[in-house]
Amino acid sequence: MPTEHQTPAPPARTARTHPVEVLFSHGRLVAIPRKEARREQLLVHLADTLFERERSYTEREVNEALLTVHEDCSALRRYFVVAGLLVRPRDGSSYHRGR
């Protein structure tokens, strides 16, 4: 019978244990996360917040929406496309929500 009381170790911290709101200050994204899982979490949050599922957007509209949260709209737009959260035809004429 153990006589010592052992305290369980705290759970490992992951991107999922941190709310995305901590990445923002005064409504603006402080930095685009480098870690892929954390960036994915942010992109899903932004997609749900900024883009409607059944609507088509021009590149200008996408940029304007992204500029409301961060000045590097080109990087964010690229991350959205790579993640499949925004889909565009080959000619880049429009964007719509992906997954």
Protein backbone atom coordinates (compact mmCIF):
# COMPACT_ATOMS: atom_id res chain seq x y z
CA MET A 1 0.00 0.00 0.00
CA PRO A 2 1.53 3.34 -1.00
CA THR A 3 1.82 5.82 1.80
CA GLU A 4 2.58 8.82 -0.37
CA HIS A 5 -0.14 10.76 -2.11
CA GLN A 6 0.82 11.32 -5.73
CA THR A 7 -0.57 14.29 -7.57
CA PRO A 8 -1.40 13.53 -11.19
CA ALA A 9 0.69 15.37 -13.75
CA PRO A 10 -1.07 18.25 -15.48
CA PRO A 11 -2.33 17.42 -18.97
CA ALA A 12 0.05 18.18 -21.83
CA ARG A 13 -0.70 21.53 -23.39
CA THR A 14 -1.66 21.42 -27.04
CA ALA A 15 -3.00 23.94 -29.50
CA ARG A 16 -6.49 22.66 -28.73
CA THR A 17 -6.21 23.61 -25.04
CA HIS A 18 -5.62 27.26 -25.94
CA PRO A 19 -8.53 29.29 -27.26
CA VAL A 20 -7.84 31.16 -30.51
CA GLU A 21 -8.89 34.39 -28.82
CA VAL A 22 -5.45 34.58 -27.15
CA LEU A 23 -3.96 35.16 -30.62
CA PHE A 24 -5.81 38.47 -30.88
CA SER A 25 -5.35 41.86 -29.30
CA HIS A 26 -8.07 44.51 -29.72
CA GLY A 27 -9.68 42.41 -32.46
CA ARG A 28 -6.47 42.12 -34.48
CA LEU A 29 -4.41 38.99 -35.01
CA VAL A 30 -1.08 39.51 -33.26
CA ALA A 31 0.85 36.98 -35.40
CA ILE A 32 0.14 34.09 -37.73
CA PRO A 33 1.10 30.93 -35.82
CA ARG A 34 4.07 28.98 -37.15
CA LYS A 35 2.93 25.63 -35.81
CA GLU A 36 0.70 23.99 -38.37
CA ALA A 37 -1.90 22.65 -35.91
CA ARG A 38 -2.29 26.02 -34.23
CA ARG A 39 -2.47 27.84 -37.58
CA GLU A 40 -5.14 25.35 -38.74
CA GLN A 41 -7.15 26.09 -35.60
CA LEU A 42 -6.90 29.81 -36.33
CA LEU A 43 -7.85 29.40 -40.01
CA VAL A 44 -10.94 27.36 -39.18
CA HIS A 45 -11.99 30.04 -36.68
CA LEU A 46 -11.44 32.82 -39.23
CA ALA A 47 -13.25 30.91 -41.99
CA ASP A 48 -16.27 30.45 -39.73
CA THR A 49 -16.13 34.10 -38.70
CA LEU A 50 -15.39 35.85 -42.00
CA PHE A 51 -16.78 33.73 -44.84
CA GLU A 52 -20.24 32.37 -45.57
CA ARG A 53 -20.43 28.81 -46.90
CA GLU A 54 -22.76 29.35 -49.85
CA ARG A 55 -21.28 32.60 -51.13
CA SER A 56 -18.70 33.31 -53.80
CA TYR A 57 -16.07 36.00 -53.11
CA THR A 58 -13.76 38.00 -55.35
CA GLU A 59 -10.09 38.18 -54.40
CA ARG A 60 -10.64 41.79 -53.39
CA GLU A 61 -13.47 40.77 -51.01
CA VAL A 62 -11.30 38.03 -49.50
CA ASN A 63 -8.45 40.51 -48.99
CA GLU A 64 -10.77 43.10 -47.43
CA ALA A 65 -12.15 40.51 -45.00
CA LEU A 66 -8.65 39.32 -44.04
CA LEU A 67 -7.36 42.88 -43.63
CA THR A 68 -9.89 43.36 -40.84
CA VAL A 69 -7.81 40.98 -38.71
CA HIS A 70 -4.22 41.12 -40.07
CA GLU A 71 -2.16 43.24 -42.48
CA ASP A 72 -0.64 40.26 -44.35
CA CYS A 73 -3.78 39.24 -46.23
CA SER A 74 -1.74 37.54 -48.98
CA ALA A 75 -0.15 35.08 -46.56
CA LEU A 76 -3.47 34.37 -44.87
CA ARG A 77 -5.21 33.88 -48.23
CA ARG A 78 -2.49 31.44 -49.31
CA TYR A 79 -2.82 29.49 -46.04
CA PHE A 80 -6.60 29.29 -46.55
CA VAL A 81 -6.20 27.90 -50.07
CA VAL A 82 -3.50 25.37 -49.07
CA ALA A 83 -5.67 24.20 -46.14
CA GLY A 84 -8.67 23.78 -48.46
CA LEU A 85 -10.73 26.26 -46.45
CA LEU A 86 -11.04 28.56 -49.46
CA VAL A 87 -11.23 27.08 -52.94
CA ARG A 88 -10.66 28.94 -56.19
CA PRO A 89 -10.74 27.95 -59.85
CA ARG A 90 -7.50 27.90 -61.84
CA ASP A 91 -8.09 31.40 -63.17
CA GLY A 92 -8.43 32.75 -59.61
CA SER A 93 -11.62 34.56 -60.55
CA SER A 94 -13.48 33.73 -57.34
CA TYR A 95 -13.21 32.03 -53.97
CA HIS A 96 -15.70 30.04 -51.95
CA ARG A 97 -15.63 28.12 -48.67
CA GLY A 98 -14.17 24.67 -48.92
CA ARG A 99 -14.39 22.16 -46.15
